């Protein structure tokens, strides 16, 4: 505690750096196979496209960069660590800009770090995690641009907004909140008459032009997928239940934050809490509370309203970047750490929570297969399967495997971990795989893979080969000493000149 009291900035660096390092090292050392979103990202990134079936390209580009730098698939764990580290940095700097002391900024980091999105999901690097530094960074740059009025801050805000849209379109929610803030409040509205906001818009749009062109070429493929991810209403009750369910999930994801606050309060603090809070709350600069509440509440309110109006069920994980201000919010309005009789207990609780989550990640990799006898993605024998499929092709055709078709998991693992990294022809569908050159596929042929005991490929692929049956199959053991059932992988070689691109019926 002495380090926190005397040099809270150093304490924040030690705490955040230690956490990020552990959340990268534990899965990197214990996960035999990457999680689903990471395998998908590696398979897409190989193509270096301006967009992909499910998402804009940034996550895949970054994963591909790590592959080219390291030649391995552990880069996703470190990308998550870097994303969260940058998020912590931006949260610290924004808290300081909003008027928090260094001690308060430290505790805002600690409280943010124990929310669910900063813990258990981190091994699976995906656009949700990548949005954490984007949202925090955009809020910081916008606040700085309003305060200083420097053109550079507006340029950086526009560039980061574009980076965010190359990551996930959900960033539009934050862009809308920023634009509305600039219109509603007079001290922010005065900037509209200056070049800054317009330069930010111009920079963002200019950077987005290549992706916009790709969207037009692919008939808005990624947008169509995004629309399909929300479950539409099936009745009137969905308009009530779905927004309440989303809200309850987000509250539940803050359980760690509530526990740390309670640990610092203790029974004594709870009895004296209200009086002590009124005595210790210090006024912040006039716009700070407004700024904090606006960006903490408005995005969530919009999502809840959209769910209530449409009845749609939104993915709970979409909330990942929306709560980067939770720690600052708690510190500000609970008057932390001043009202805590037991701040050492709060820190101990935070460390214990992190230890539990890290233990869960370790347990998923090392212990879980010994009592849960089901197939898991992180123990999938992806590398052995990919190498065997490449060997099967070379033995039969005498060339390197260039294309593999199948469901996402089966094909993406071959693409990611085979020595020659063949292109993934997702579900043998040109619409879902716009990077595929039909002429080149016809010249080189392709390998169809699928899992399970069935002799025929997936129905989506049988449309093109109605009489297709497997040419061979191989059983592979999962990468664990536990008793996970083996997986059977089937394959069918489609030689050059025999590839069908139109359904048979």
Foldseek 3Di string as FASTA:
>chain_A
DVCLVPPVVVVLCVVLVVLLVLQLPLCLPFQQFADQLLLLLCQVLVLVDQQAQAAQNPSSVQQVVVCVVPVDSSVQSNVLSVLVSLLLVLQLLLLVVQPDDSSLSSQLSLLLCLQQLNFQVRSNRALLSNCQNLLSVLLSLLSCCLVPVDLVSLLVNLVSLLVNRSRHVLSVLVVVLSVVVLVPDPSSVVCVPPCRNVNSVVNNVVSCVVSVVVCVVLVNSNVVNVVVQWAFAPDLVLLVPQLVVLVVLSVVSSVLSVVLVCQQCDPVLVVCQVVQLVVQQDDTPVCSVVSLCSQLPVSSVVVSNVCNVGSIHHDSSSCSNSHSCVSSVCCRRSVPPRSGPHNVRSVVSSVVSNVVSSVVSSCVRAPVLAPDQADDRSQAPLQVLLQVVQVVCCVVPVDGAAEEEAASSNQSSNQNRHPVNHRYCYLVACSNVVSDDVVVCLQAWHKYKDKDDAQAGDPSNCQQVVPDGFPDKDWDDTNYPHNHDIIIMTMDTQGRNRGGNHGPD
